[in-house]
Amino acid sequence: GPYDMVTCNDAESALVAIDRDGPFDIIVCDFMLPGISGIDLVERLRADGRTRGVPILMISGHTNYAMDNRAKNAGANLFLNKPFTISQLRTSINALLTKPAAPSKSPMEGTPNLR
């Protein structure tokens, strides 16, 4: 495929991979992860200068407005609901990769709503 990917089963291994193999152009993570939650992972990534500006796409099968808001407030740039097609995933990734980087904000300030 057109992308080089590193996949992880949980936030802990994602943090190791990001530290070991980064920098990355985009991070895609699930809301529901074993151990450290997706929200906590996004907050950690936004607090780290190395990953603060990396676009984050959060996905979830259990979504509602409150979850979408929590993801955006944590620092996710875009929220994609399951089930989704490969085409929808590709479109979301391409939108984040081609969008000019927004000014970095602290996790408490949230991020612009790009939906």
C-alpha atoms as a PDB file:
ATOM      1  CA  GLY A   1       0.000   0.000   0.000  1.00  0.00           C
ATOM      2  CA  PRO A   2       0.920   3.656  -0.141  1.00  0.00           C
ATOM      3  CA  TYR A   3       1.581   3.874   3.610  1.00  0.00           C
ATOM      4  CA  ASP A   4       4.275   2.422   5.848  1.00  0.00           C
ATOM      5  CA  MET A   5       2.481   1.395   9.045  1.00  0.00           C
ATOM      6  CA  VAL A   6       3.365   0.278  12.526  1.00  0.00           C
ATOM      7  CA  THR A   7       0.508  -1.484  14.337  1.00  0.00           C
ATOM      8  CA  CYS A   8       0.113  -1.965  18.078  1.00  0.00           C
ATOM      9  CA  ASN A   9      -2.465  -3.770  20.197  1.00  0.00           C
ATOM     10  CA  ASP A  10      -2.526  -1.317  23.104  1.00  0.00           C
ATOM     11  CA  ALA A  11      -1.455   2.156  24.182  1.00  0.00           C
ATOM     12  CA  GLU A  12       1.615   0.939  26.072  1.00  0.00           C
ATOM     13  CA  SER A  13       3.113  -0.727  22.989  1.00  0.00           C
ATOM     14  CA  ALA A  14       2.088   2.302  20.878  1.00  0.00           C
ATOM     15  CA  LEU A  15       4.054   4.616  23.178  1.00  0.00           C
ATOM     16  CA  VAL A  16       7.102   2.334  22.861  1.00  0.00           C
ATOM     17  CA  ALA A  17       6.762   2.192  19.054  1.00  0.00           C
ATOM     18  CA  ILE A  18       6.311   5.962  18.782  1.00  0.00           C
ATOM     19  CA  ASP A  19       9.425   6.482  20.895  1.00  0.00           C
ATOM     20  CA  ARG A  20      11.415   3.846  18.985  1.00  0.00           C
ATOM     21  CA  ASP A  21      10.183   4.290  15.397  1.00  0.00           C
ATOM     22  CA  GLY A  22       8.913   7.880  15.240  1.00  0.00           C
ATOM     23  CA  PRO A  23       8.380  10.459  14.032  1.00  0.00           C
ATOM     24  CA  PHE A  24       5.105   9.503  12.350  1.00  0.00           C
ATOM     25  CA  ASP A  25       2.997  11.523   9.918  1.00  0.00           C
ATOM     26  CA  ILE A  26      -0.291  10.471  11.533  1.00  0.00           C
ATOM     27  CA  ILE A  27      -1.505   8.387  14.476  1.00  0.00           C
ATOM     28  CA  VAL A  28      -4.723   6.369  14.297  1.00  0.00           C
ATOM     29  CA  CYS A  29      -6.010   5.024  17.599  1.00  0.00           C
ATOM     30  CA  ASP A  30      -9.133   3.450  19.002  1.00  0.00           C
ATOM     31  CA  PHE A  31     -11.150   5.050  21.789  1.00  0.00           C
ATOM     32  CA  MET A  32     -11.405   1.706  23.632  1.00  0.00           C
ATOM     33  CA  LEU A  33      -8.002   0.191  24.329  1.00  0.00           C
ATOM     34  CA  PRO A  34      -6.938  -2.344  26.943  1.00  0.00           C
ATOM     35  CA  GLY A  35      -4.958  -0.716  29.766  1.00  0.00           C
ATOM     36  CA  ILE A  36      -4.340   2.947  29.014  1.00  0.00           C
ATOM     37  CA  SER A  37      -7.428   4.315  27.223  1.00  0.00           C
ATOM     38  CA  GLY A  38      -7.333   5.950  23.814  1.00  0.00           C
ATOM     39  CA  ILE A  39      -8.213   9.271  25.453  1.00  0.00           C
ATOM     40  CA  ASP A  40      -5.287   8.955  27.876  1.00  0.00           C
ATOM     41  CA  LEU A  41      -2.984   8.018  24.992  1.00  0.00           C
ATOM     42  CA  VAL A  42      -4.028  11.121  23.026  1.00  0.00           C
ATOM     43  CA  GLU A  43      -3.510  13.333  26.094  1.00  0.00           C
ATOM     44  CA  ARG A  44      -0.010  11.890  26.591  1.00  0.00           C
ATOM     45  CA  LEU A  45       0.845  12.423  22.926  1.00  0.00           C
ATOM     46  CA  ARG A  46      -0.371  16.035  23.061  1.00  0.00           C
ATOM     47  CA  ALA A  47       1.702  16.683  26.199  1.00  0.00           C
ATOM     48  CA  ASP A  48       4.885  15.421  24.462  1.00  0.00           C
ATOM     49  CA  GLY A  49       6.673  17.977  22.287  1.00  0.00           C
ATOM     50  CA  ARG A  50       7.681  15.270  19.797  1.00  0.00           C
ATOM     51  CA  THR A  51       4.081  14.258  19.068  1.00  0.00           C
ATOM     52  CA  ARG A  52       2.163  17.444  19.936  1.00  0.00           C
ATOM     53  CA  GLY A  53       1.671  18.420  16.294  1.00  0.00           C
ATOM     54  CA  VAL A  54       1.094  14.960  14.801  1.00  0.00           C
ATOM     55  CA  PRO A  55      -2.469  14.571  13.464  1.00  0.00           C
ATOM     56  CA  ILE A  56      -4.509  12.017  15.413  1.00  0.00           C
ATOM     57  CA  LEU A  57      -7.488  10.131  14.010  1.00  0.00           C
ATOM     58  CA  MET A  58      -9.551   8.438  16.717  1.00  0.00           C
ATOM     59  CA  ILE A  59     -11.934   5.618  15.858  1.00  0.00           C
ATOM     60  CA  SER A  60     -14.675   3.995  17.917  1.00  0.00           C
ATOM     61  CA  GLY A  61     -17.562   1.604  17.585  1.00  0.00           C
ATOM     62  CA  HIS A  62     -19.324   2.971  20.665  1.00  0.00           C
ATOM     63  CA  THR A  63     -19.801   6.594  19.874  1.00  0.00           C
ATOM     64  CA  ASN A  64     -21.990   9.443  20.890  1.00  0.00           C
ATOM     65  CA  TYR A  65     -21.617  13.203  21.068  1.00  0.00           C
ATOM     66  CA  ALA A  66     -19.995  13.062  24.518  1.00  0.00           C
ATOM     67  CA  MET A  67     -17.304  10.594  23.352  1.00  0.00           C
ATOM     68  CA  ASP A  68     -16.636  12.640  20.243  1.00  0.00           C
ATOM     69  CA  ASN A  69     -16.229  15.737  22.449  1.00  0.00           C
ATOM     70  CA  ARG A  70     -13.918  13.914  24.880  1.00  0.00           C
ATOM     71  CA  ALA A  71     -11.728  12.815  21.972  1.00  0.00           C
ATOM     72  CA  LYS A  72     -11.535  16.330  20.526  1.00  0.00           C
ATOM     73  CA  ASN A  73     -10.902  17.877  23.957  1.00  0.00           C
ATOM     74  CA  ALA A  74      -8.064  15.391  24.527  1.00  0.00           C
ATOM     75  CA  GLY A  75      -6.486  16.520  21.266  1.00  0.00           C
ATOM     76  CA  ALA A  76      -7.774  14.171  18.547  1.00  0.00           C
ATOM     77  CA  ASN A  77      -8.125  15.987  15.230  1.00  0.00           C
ATOM     78  CA  LEU A  78     -10.839  13.778  13.783  1.00  0.00           C
ATOM     79  CA  PHE A  79     -13.233  11.122  15.084  1.00  0.00           C
ATOM     80  CA  LEU A  80     -14.365   8.274  12.802  1.00  0.00           C
ATOM     81  CA  ASN A  81     -17.261   6.035  13.794  1.00  0.00           C
ATOM     82  CA  LYS A  82     -17.212   2.271  13.204  1.00  0.00           C
ATOM     83  CA  PRO A  83     -18.222   0.627  11.015  1.00  0.00           C
ATOM     84  CA  PHE A  84     -16.424   2.545   8.284  1.00  0.00           C
ATOM     85  CA  THR A  85     -15.248   1.653   4.798  1.00  0.00           C
ATOM     86  CA  ILE A  86     -11.622   1.594   3.683  1.00  0.00           C
ATOM     87  CA  SER A  87     -12.541   4.536   1.460  1.00  0.00           C
ATOM     88  CA  GLN A  88     -13.789   6.544   4.470  1.00  0.00           C
ATOM     89  CA  LEU A  89     -10.624   5.689   6.411  1.00  0.00           C
ATOM     90  CA  ARG A  90      -8.422   6.697   3.465  1.00  0.00           C
ATOM     91  CA  THR A  91     -10.342   9.965   3.033  1.00  0.00           C
ATOM     92  CA  SER A  92      -9.961  10.786   6.744  1.00  0.00           C
ATOM     93  CA  ILE A  93      -6.234  10.015   6.708  1.00  0.00           C
ATOM     94  CA  ASN A  94      -5.663  12.035   3.528  1.00  0.00           C
ATOM     95  CA  ALA A  95      -7.610  14.987   4.968  1.00  0.00           C
ATOM     96  CA  LEU A  96      -5.372  15.026   8.050  1.00  0.00           C
ATOM     97  CA  LEU A  97      -2.161  14.566   6.054  1.00  0.00           C
ATOM     98  CA  THR A  98      -2.937  17.409   3.639  1.00  0.00           C
ATOM     99  CA  LYS A  99      -4.364  19.898   6.163  1.00  0.00           C
ATOM    100  CA  PRO A 100      -1.849  22.549   7.239  1.00  0.00           C
ATOM    101  CA  ALA A 101      -0.699  22.007  10.804  1.00  0.00           C
ATOM    102  CA  ALA A 102      -2.794  23.944  13.277  1.00  0.00           C
ATOM    103  CA  PRO A 103      -1.009  25.845  16.029  1.00  0.00           C
ATOM    104  CA  SER A 104      -0.231  23.546  18.932  1.00  0.00           C
ATOM    105  CA  LYS A 105      -2.606  23.831  21.851  1.00  0.00           C
ATOM    106  CA  SER A 106      -2.459  22.355  25.290  1.00  0.00           C
ATOM    107  CA  PRO A 107      -4.827  19.404  25.915  1.00  0.00           C
ATOM    108  CA  MET A 108      -6.961  21.637  28.140  1.00  0.00           C
ATOM    109  CA  GLU A 109      -7.629  24.039  25.253  1.00  0.00           C
ATOM    110  CA  GLY A 110      -8.864  21.260  22.974  1.00  0.00           C
ATOM    111  CA  THR A 111      -8.590  21.362  19.199  1.00  0.00           C
ATOM    112  CA  PRO A 112     -10.615  22.893  16.415  1.00  0.00           C
ATOM    113  CA  ASN A 113     -13.633  20.830  15.382  1.00  0.00           C
ATOM    114  CA  LEU A 114     -12.601  19.476  11.980  1.00  0.00           C
ATOM    115  CA  ARG A 115     -15.637  17.279  11.473  1.00  0.00           C
END
